[in-house]
């Protein structure tokens, strides 16, 4: 049961106080402003009228910002449906690469550089393992989604990767299936990932891409410490649960961090919300944060303008996905398989919270006609989405 509190209302209440002591980046200010104005008179509204029974209702425009918890349900649904259509009749692997918390400060100063290097290094690590003749000897495919948060809104940067269990040999037009239930050895992945990421960070610093880090000694000591610690890589075979993993990723492809349904109470001083403690078996607990601290944590997860947090690699890359998937399906001869992946997943089997919603909606009175749209008011900010 939801409490009725929203992230927009919390930001509206506590952001002015927060800005008295902190400076927001232009992107943070823009995102926070849009989220606060979402579905209010500030963005305008439309009148919906049924041509049959003349039922009328008013709908406020939404901001359609990818950080807003009230928006982009249709975007999430469309993304999930497209990815389900791309599923191959093979087991899938869910692999998570975590960035050590020692690099959180670097990510706050230079998020675009750090996130870009994370995508690049993770793909290079997996691609090199896939090309290895002793492993799969072919090209992998990967869909990766960047998450920057933990359940308690803390900064926890990690990359979720969904990978078909095998590699495609384009020269021989053969599919080489995965040889184990864990795709690649996790320890070997972790060491390769750690070495490649530390090397990439050092090169970025020497190239002047990290100007906010001004002490060379601190750079050397931090990277040396990172090389002496174990980096976390998680790998699990999803088998027939690939759609479940996709549905989990889809919930956060077009928004960030915290859904409004998790907010329990908002007072003049603080905010409380529920979160899962995975170390305690996923038990639900309540966290209470001061208003300023809630705003600070939420702003940590605002992405740089134009940064792509969903990326596809290998034979799943946008430029060649359709061609390669067709050839791989031919190699697999999917008519002889009966493992649940041999056809696209119908929309009726997708989770209810991400089913594509019809717009404009049906008339709630007669249910026979779609409501017709007629503008009522326009925002000085310009045209904004109606959904």
Protein backbone atom coordinates (compact mmCIF):
# COMPACT_ATOMS: atom_id res chain seq x y z
CA UNK A 1 0.00 0.00 0.00
CA UNK A 2 1.45 3.37 -1.00
CA UNK A 3 1.58 6.39 1.29
CA UNK A 4 0.82 8.98 -1.41
CA UNK A 5 4.16 10.76 -0.93
CA UNK A 6 6.23 11.46 -4.03
CA UNK A 7 9.83 12.25 -4.84
CA UNK A 8 8.64 15.45 -6.53
CA UNK A 9 6.97 16.65 -3.33
CA UNK A 10 10.08 15.84 -1.28
CA UNK A 11 12.34 17.77 -3.64
CA UNK A 12 9.92 20.69 -3.67
CA UNK A 13 9.99 20.80 0.12
CA UNK A 14 13.69 20.28 0.85
CA UNK A 15 15.57 21.44 -2.26
CA UNK A 16 15.47 25.19 -1.45
CA UNK A 17 17.02 24.51 1.96
CA UNK A 18 19.61 22.20 0.41
CA UNK A 19 20.64 24.84 -2.15
CA UNK A 20 21.45 27.31 0.61
CA UNK A 21 24.51 25.23 1.51
CA UNK A 22 25.27 23.28 -1.68
CA UNK A 23 25.84 24.12 -5.33
CA UNK A 24 23.97 22.05 -7.90
CA UNK A 25 25.43 21.28 -11.29
CA UNK A 26 23.43 22.64 -14.26
CA UNK A 27 22.24 19.11 -15.04
CA UNK A 28 21.14 18.47 -11.44
CA UNK A 29 19.26 21.76 -11.34
CA UNK A 30 17.53 21.01 -14.64
CA UNK A 31 16.49 17.48 -13.64
CA UNK A 32 15.28 18.50 -10.19
CA UNK A 33 13.24 21.33 -11.71
CA UNK A 34 11.57 19.05 -14.24
CA UNK A 35 10.76 16.38 -11.66
CA UNK A 36 9.22 19.00 -9.32
CA UNK A 37 7.03 20.40 -12.13
CA UNK A 38 6.00 17.03 -13.56
CA UNK A 39 2.21 16.66 -13.85
CA UNK A 40 1.53 20.11 -12.48
CA UNK A 41 0.05 23.27 -13.97
CA UNK A 42 3.62 24.46 -14.67
CA UNK A 43 3.80 22.07 -17.63
CA UNK A 44 0.27 22.63 -18.83
CA UNK A 45 -2.60 20.20 -19.22
CA UNK A 46 -4.99 18.74 -21.75
CA UNK A 47 -8.73 18.12 -21.78
CA UNK A 48 -9.87 14.60 -22.66
CA UNK A 49 -13.38 14.24 -24.06
CA UNK A 50 -15.32 11.15 -25.09
CA UNK A 51 -17.01 11.73 -28.46
CA UNK A 52 -19.78 9.27 -27.55
CA UNK A 53 -20.90 10.09 -24.01
CA UNK A 54 -19.18 13.49 -23.65
CA UNK A 55 -17.35 12.42 -20.48
CA UNK A 56 -14.55 14.89 -19.73
CA UNK A 57 -11.41 14.78 -17.64
CA UNK A 58 -8.22 16.82 -17.37
CA UNK A 59 -4.71 15.38 -17.56
CA UNK A 60 -1.52 17.25 -16.70
CA UNK A 61 1.50 16.88 -18.92
CA UNK A 62 4.49 14.91 -17.67
CA UNK A 63 8.14 15.90 -17.93
CA UNK A 64 9.26 12.61 -19.55
CA UNK A 65 12.66 12.99 -17.93
CA UNK A 66 14.49 9.68 -17.50
CA UNK A 67 15.12 10.41 -13.80
CA UNK A 68 11.45 10.97 -12.92
CA UNK A 69 9.67 8.15 -11.02
CA UNK A 70 6.28 9.24 -12.43
CA UNK A 71 7.23 9.06 -16.12
CA UNK A 72 8.34 6.76 -18.90
CA UNK A 73 6.31 3.65 -18.08
CA UNK A 74 5.59 3.31 -21.78
CA UNK A 75 9.30 3.72 -22.55
CA UNK A 76 10.13 0.92 -20.11
CA UNK A 77 7.42 -1.30 -21.58
CA UNK A 78 8.58 -0.70 -25.14
CA UNK A 79 12.19 -1.42 -24.18
CA UNK A 80 11.22 -4.65 -22.44
CA UNK A 81 9.08 -5.84 -25.36
CA UNK A 82 11.89 -5.15 -27.84
CA UNK A 83 14.45 -7.01 -25.73
CA UNK A 84 12.12 -9.98 -25.27
CA UNK A 85 11.77 -10.18 -29.06
CA UNK A 86 15.57 -10.44 -29.26
CA UNK A 87 15.85 -13.41 -26.89
CA UNK A 88 17.61 -16.45 -28.31
CA UNK A 89 16.73 -20.09 -27.50
CA UNK A 90 19.76 -20.44 -25.21
CA UNK A 91 20.45 -20.02 -21.49
CA UNK A 92 21.31 -16.47 -20.44
CA UNK A 93 23.75 -15.17 -17.85
CA UNK A 94 23.30 -12.21 -15.53
CA UNK A 95 26.71 -10.72 -14.73
CA UNK A 96 27.22 -7.69 -12.47
CA UNK A 97 30.45 -5.66 -12.36
CA UNK A 98 30.80 -3.39 -9.32
CA UNK A 99 33.04 -0.34 -9.09
CA UNK A 100 34.83 -0.11 -5.71
CA UNK A 101 33.48 2.58 -3.39
CA UNK A 102 36.97 4.10 -3.22
CA UNK A 103 36.22 5.54 -6.68
CA UNK A 104 32.93 7.18 -5.68
CA UNK A 105 34.62 10.55 -5.21
CA UNK A 106 36.17 10.35 -8.68
CA UNK A 107 32.76 9.49 -10.14
CA UNK A 108 31.16 12.49 -8.45
CA UNK A 109 33.76 14.83 -9.98
CA UNK A 110 33.89 13.21 -13.42
CA UNK A 111 30.82 10.97 -13.84
CA UNK A 112 30.85 10.91 -17.64
CA UNK A 113 34.48 9.76 -17.82
CA UNK A 114 34.19 7.13 -15.07
CA UNK A 115 30.92 5.67 -16.39
CA UNK A 116 32.24 5.61 -19.96
CA UNK A 117 35.38 3.76 -18.86
CA UNK A 118 33.27 1.30 -16.88
CA UNK A 119 31.23 0.34 -19.96
CA UNK A 120 34.34 0.13 -22.12
CA UNK A 121 36.41 -1.97 -19.72
CA UNK A 122 33.57 -4.39 -18.89
CA UNK A 123 32.90 -5.07 -22.56
CA UNK A 124 36.59 -5.44 -23.39
CA UNK A 125 36.95 -7.91 -20.50
CA UNK A 126 34.03 -10.06 -21.57
CA UNK A 127 34.87 -9.83 -25.28
CA UNK A 128 38.45 -10.98 -24.68
CA UNK A 129 37.21 -13.99 -22.69
CA UNK A 130 34.70 -14.80 -25.43
CA UNK A 131 37.34 -14.62 -28.18
CA UNK A 132 39.71 -16.91 -26.28
CA UNK A 133 40.00 -20.19 -28.25
CA UNK A 134 40.16 -22.07 -24.95
CA UNK A 135 36.80 -20.68 -23.92
CA UNK A 136 34.15 -19.81 -26.55
CA UNK A 137 36.21 -18.72 -29.56
CA UNK A 138 33.66 -16.25 -30.91
CA UNK A 139 31.85 -12.99 -30.43
CA UNK A 140 29.64 -12.43 -27.40
CA UNK A 141 26.50 -10.33 -27.25
CA UNK A 142 25.73 -8.13 -24.26
CA UNK A 143 23.06 -5.75 -23.04
CA UNK A 144 24.38 -3.54 -20.21
CA UNK A 145 22.48 -1.17 -17.92
CA UNK A 146 24.23 1.23 -15.55
CA UNK A 147 23.00 1.50 -11.96
CA UNK A 148 24.60 4.01 -9.61
CA UNK A 149 22.59 3.35 -6.45
CA UNK A 150 22.02 0.90 -3.66
CA UNK A 151 18.63 0.21 -2.08
CA UNK A 152 19.28 2.89 0.56
CA UNK A 153 20.05 5.54 -2.10
CA UNK A 154 23.79 5.37 -1.37
CA UNK A 155 26.29 5.58 -4.23
CA UNK A 156 26.87 2.04 -5.45
CA UNK A 157 28.06 2.05 -9.06
CA UNK A 158 27.61 -1.22 -10.92
CA UNK A 159 26.84 -2.53 -14.38
CA UNK A 160 24.15 -5.15 -15.00
CA UNK A 161 24.97 -7.30 -18.03
CA UNK A 162 22.61 -9.79 -19.65
CA UNK A 163 24.58 -12.14 -21.91
CA UNK A 164 23.38 -15.01 -24.14
CA UNK A 165 25.13 -18.24 -23.17
CA UNK A 166 27.46 -18.67 -26.11
CA UNK A 167 29.47 -16.96 -28.82
CA UNK A 168 28.96 -16.52 -32.55
CA UNK A 169 31.77 -17.43 -34.93
CA UNK A 170 31.06 -15.21 -37.93
CA UNK A 171 33.72 -16.73 -40.18
CA UNK A 172 32.41 -20.28 -39.81
CA UNK A 173 28.84 -19.18 -39.09
CA UNK A 174 28.73 -21.38 -36.02
CA UNK A 175 27.30 -20.96 -32.54
CA UNK A 176 29.57 -22.05 -29.70
CA UNK A 177 27.45 -22.69 -26.57
CA UNK A 178 28.68 -21.87 -23.09
CA UNK A 179 30.54 -24.73 -21.46
CA UNK A 180 29.51 -24.13 -17.85
CA UNK A 181 26.77 -22.79 -15.62
CA UNK A 182 28.74 -19.64 -14.82
CA UNK A 183 29.86 -18.52 -18.31
CA UNK A 184 33.42 -17.59 -17.25
CA UNK A 185 35.36 -18.06 -13.97
CA UNK A 186 34.38 -15.16 -11.72
CA UNK A 187 37.82 -14.76 -10.14
CA UNK A 188 39.50 -14.57 -13.53
CA UNK A 189 36.91 -12.02 -14.71
CA UNK A 190 37.43 -9.96 -11.56
CA UNK A 191 41.22 -9.82 -11.91
CA UNK A 192 41.10 -8.94 -15.59
CA UNK A 193 38.45 -6.29 -14.96
CA UNK A 194 40.43 -4.79 -12.07
CA UNK A 195 43.67 -4.57 -14.04
CA UNK A 196 42.02 -3.11 -17.14
CA UNK A 197 40.03 -0.54 -15.16
CA UNK A 198 43.02 0.65 -13.13
CA UNK A 199 45.06 0.95 -16.32
CA UNK A 200 42.25 2.91 -18.03
CA UNK A 201 41.93 5.27 -15.06
CA UNK A 202 45.66 5.93 -15.03
CA UNK A 203 45.67 6.66 -18.76
CA UNK A 204 42.65 8.98 -18.38
CA UNK A 205 44.43 10.93 -15.64
CA UNK A 206 47.61 11.28 -17.69
CA UNK A 207 45.55 12.43 -20.67
CA UNK A 208 44.00 15.22 -18.59
CA UNK A 209 40.50 13.75 -18.60
CA UNK A 210 40.27 13.91 -14.78
CA UNK A 211 41.16 17.54 -13.99
CA UNK A 212 39.26 17.49 -10.71
CA UNK A 213 41.82 15.08 -9.27
CA UNK A 214 44.77 17.33 -8.60
CA UNK A 215 47.15 15.31 -6.42
CA UNK A 216 49.34 12.83 -8.37
CA UNK A 217 50.35 11.09 -5.14
CA UNK A 218 46.70 10.50 -4.27
CA UNK A 219 46.12 8.99 -7.71
CA UNK A 220 49.02 6.57 -7.35
CA UNK A 221 48.11 5.57 -3.80
CA UNK A 222 44.43 5.08 -4.67
CA UNK A 223 45.15 2.95 -7.72
CA UNK A 224 47.78 0.95 -5.84
CA UNK A 225 45.29 0.25 -3.07
CA UNK A 226 42.66 -0.78 -5.61
CA UNK A 227 45.04 -3.27 -7.21
CA UNK A 228 45.57 -4.86 -3.80
CA UNK A 229 41.86 -5.44 -3.16
CA UNK A 230 39.39 -7.87 -4.67
CA UNK A 231 36.80 -6.38 -7.02
CA UNK A 232 33.27 -7.75 -6.92
CA UNK A 233 31.92 -9.57 -9.97
CA UNK A 234 28.71 -11.58 -9.72
CA UNK A 235 27.63 -14.15 -12.29
CA UNK A 236 24.56 -16.32 -12.43
CA UNK A 237 22.84 -18.39 -15.08
CA UNK A 238 19.24 -17.24 -15.57
CA UNK A 239 18.21 -20.24 -17.70
CA UNK A 240 14.49 -19.76 -18.41
CA UNK A 241 14.28 -16.67 -16.15
CA UNK A 242 15.74 -14.25 -18.70
CA UNK A 243 12.45 -12.36 -18.93
CA UNK A 244 12.53 -11.89 -15.14
CA UNK A 245 15.96 -10.27 -15.32
CA UNK A 246 14.83 -8.11 -18.23
CA UNK A 247 11.76 -7.01 -16.30
CA UNK A 248 13.98 -6.05 -13.34
CA UNK A 249 16.25 -4.00 -15.58
CA UNK A 250 13.27 -2.43 -17.36
CA UNK A 251 12.01 -0.95 -14.10
CA UNK A 252 15.09 1.28 -14.01
CA UNK A 253 15.90 1.86 -17.67
CA UNK A 254 13.86 5.07 -17.74
CA UNK A 255 14.05 6.25 -14.12
CA UNK A 256 16.45 6.10 -11.19
CA UNK A 257 17.03 4.94 -7.65
CA UNK A 258 13.74 5.14 -5.77
CA UNK A 259 10.13 4.50 -6.72
CA UNK A 260 7.46 6.54 -4.97
CA UNK A 261 5.82 3.38 -3.65
CA UNK A 262 8.76 2.86 -1.27
CA UNK A 263 8.32 6.23 0.47
CA UNK A 264 6.56 5.81 3.81
CA UNK A 265 6.57 9.15 5.63
CA UNK A 266 7.61 12.76 5.05
CA UNK A 267 7.85 15.25 7.91
CA UNK A 268 9.14 18.81 8.14
CA UNK A 269 12.61 17.44 8.87
CA UNK A 270 13.07 14.00 7.41
CA UNK A 271 11.98 11.28 5.00
CA UNK A 272 11.53 7.57 5.62
CA UNK A 273 11.41 4.80 3.02
CA UNK A 274 11.73 1.04 2.91
CA UNK A 275 14.65 -0.82 1.40
CA UNK A 276 15.91 -4.37 1.08
CA UNK A 277 18.93 -5.56 3.03
CA UNK A 278 20.36 -8.15 0.67
CA UNK A 279 23.03 -9.11 3.22
CA UNK A 280 20.18 -10.14 5.54
CA UNK A 281 18.40 -12.29 2.99
CA UNK A 282 16.45 -9.48 1.35
CA UNK A 283 14.53 -8.49 4.48
CA UNK A 284 12.66 -5.17 4.33
CA UNK A 285 13.73 -2.40 6.67
CA UNK A 286 12.88 1.27 7.04
CA UNK A 287 15.46 4.05 6.69
CA UNK A 288 14.94 7.59 7.90
CA UNK A 289 17.05 10.39 6.40
CA UNK A 290 17.14 14.11 7.06
CA UNK A 291 15.61 16.07 4.19
CA UNK A 292 18.97 17.50 3.12
CA UNK A 293 20.57 14.07 3.12
CA UNK A 294 17.75 12.58 1.06
CA UNK A 295 18.19 15.31 -1.56
CA UNK A 296 21.98 14.83 -1.57
CA UNK A 297 21.68 11.09 -2.12
CA UNK A 298 19.04 11.45 -4.82
CA UNK A 299 21.13 13.98 -6.76
CA UNK A 300 24.10 11.58 -6.74
CA UNK A 301 22.28 9.53 -9.36
CA UNK A 302 21.54 12.26 -11.89
CA UNK A 303 23.36 11.24 -15.05
CA UNK A 304 25.35 13.59 -17.29
CA UNK A 305 23.30 15.15 -20.09
CA UNK A 306 22.97 12.80 -23.05
CA UNK A 307 24.80 9.92 -21.37
CA UNK A 308 23.55 6.53 -22.61
CA UNK A 309 23.01 4.25 -19.62
CA UNK A 310 21.71 1.35 -21.74
CA UNK A 311 24.15 -0.06 -24.27
CA UNK A 312 24.36 -3.10 -26.54
CA UNK A 313 27.56 -4.80 -27.66
CA UNK A 314 28.81 -7.58 -29.90
CA UNK A 315 26.19 -9.29 -32.02
CA UNK A 316 23.52 -7.39 -30.06
CA UNK A 317 24.88 -3.99 -31.13
CA UNK A 318 22.22 -1.78 -32.71
CA UNK A 319 23.99 -1.62 -36.08
CA UNK A 320 24.01 -5.38 -36.65
CA UNK A 321 21.56 -6.95 -34.20
CA UNK A 322 18.86 -7.96 -36.66
CA UNK A 323 21.27 -9.50 -39.16
CA UNK A 324 23.29 -11.44 -36.61
CA UNK A 325 20.31 -12.68 -34.61
CA UNK A 326 18.78 -14.10 -37.79
CA UNK A 327 21.96 -15.98 -38.62
CA UNK A 328 22.40 -17.23 -35.05
CA UNK A 329 18.84 -18.55 -34.98
CA UNK A 330 19.58 -20.43 -38.17
CA UNK A 331 22.67 -21.93 -36.54
CA UNK A 332 20.71 -22.98 -33.50
CA UNK A 333 17.99 -24.56 -35.62
CA UNK A 334 15.46 -23.46 -33.06
CA UNK A 335 12.66 -25.66 -34.45
CA UNK A 336 14.38 -28.59 -32.72
CA UNK A 337 14.60 -26.85 -29.34
CA UNK A 338 11.85 -26.79 -26.79
CA UNK A 339 13.25 -24.78 -23.90
CA UNK A 340 10.83 -21.86 -23.79
CA UNK A 341 13.01 -19.43 -25.75
CA UNK A 342 12.13 -20.55 -29.26
CA UNK A 343 9.71 -17.71 -29.93
CA UNK A 344 9.26 -14.08 -28.87
CA UNK A 345 7.67 -13.60 -25.47
CA UNK A 346 4.03 -12.48 -25.85
CA UNK A 347 3.07 -9.21 -24.22
CA UNK A 348 0.49 -10.99 -22.06
CA UNK A 349 3.31 -12.78 -20.19
CA UNK A 350 5.19 -9.61 -19.30
CA UNK A 351 4.96 -8.22 -15.75
CA UNK A 352 1.87 -6.08 -15.25
CA UNK A 353 3.80 -3.00 -14.15
CA UNK A 354 5.53 -2.68 -17.52
CA UNK A 355 2.73 -3.60 -19.93
CA UNK A 356 2.39 -0.94 -22.64
CA UNK A 357 -0.48 1.37 -21.78
CA UNK A 358 -2.81 2.66 -24.46
CA UNK A 359 -2.81 6.38 -25.18
CA UNK A 360 -5.12 8.15 -25.40
CA UNK A 361 -7.01 6.03 -22.84
CA UNK A 362 -10.43 4.49 -23.26
CA UNK A 363 -13.36 6.38 -21.83
CA UNK A 364 -13.84 5.23 -18.20
CA UNK A 365 -17.57 5.96 -18.50
CA UNK A 366 -18.73 4.09 -21.60
CA UNK A 367 -15.55 2.21 -22.46
CA UNK A 368 -16.38 2.29 -26.16
CA UNK A 369 -14.28 5.17 -27.49
CA UNK A 370 -10.84 6.60 -26.98
CA UNK A 371 -10.85 10.01 -25.36
CA UNK A 372 -10.04 12.85 -27.74
CA UNK A 373 -7.40 15.41 -26.82
CA UNK A 374 -7.92 19.17 -26.87
CA UNK A 375 -5.33 21.57 -25.39
CA UNK A 376 -6.39 23.48 -22.28
CA UNK A 377 -3.22 25.30 -21.29
CA UNK A 378 0.35 25.46 -22.49
CA UNK A 379 3.53 25.77 -20.45
CA UNK A 380 6.02 28.55 -21.20
CA UNK A 381 8.61 25.78 -21.18
CA UNK A 382 7.29 24.53 -24.50
CA UNK A 383 5.66 21.34 -25.64
CA UNK A 384 5.85 18.51 -23.15
CA UNK A 385 4.64 14.93 -23.19
CA UNK A 386 1.09 14.09 -22.22
CA UNK A 387 1.73 10.61 -20.86
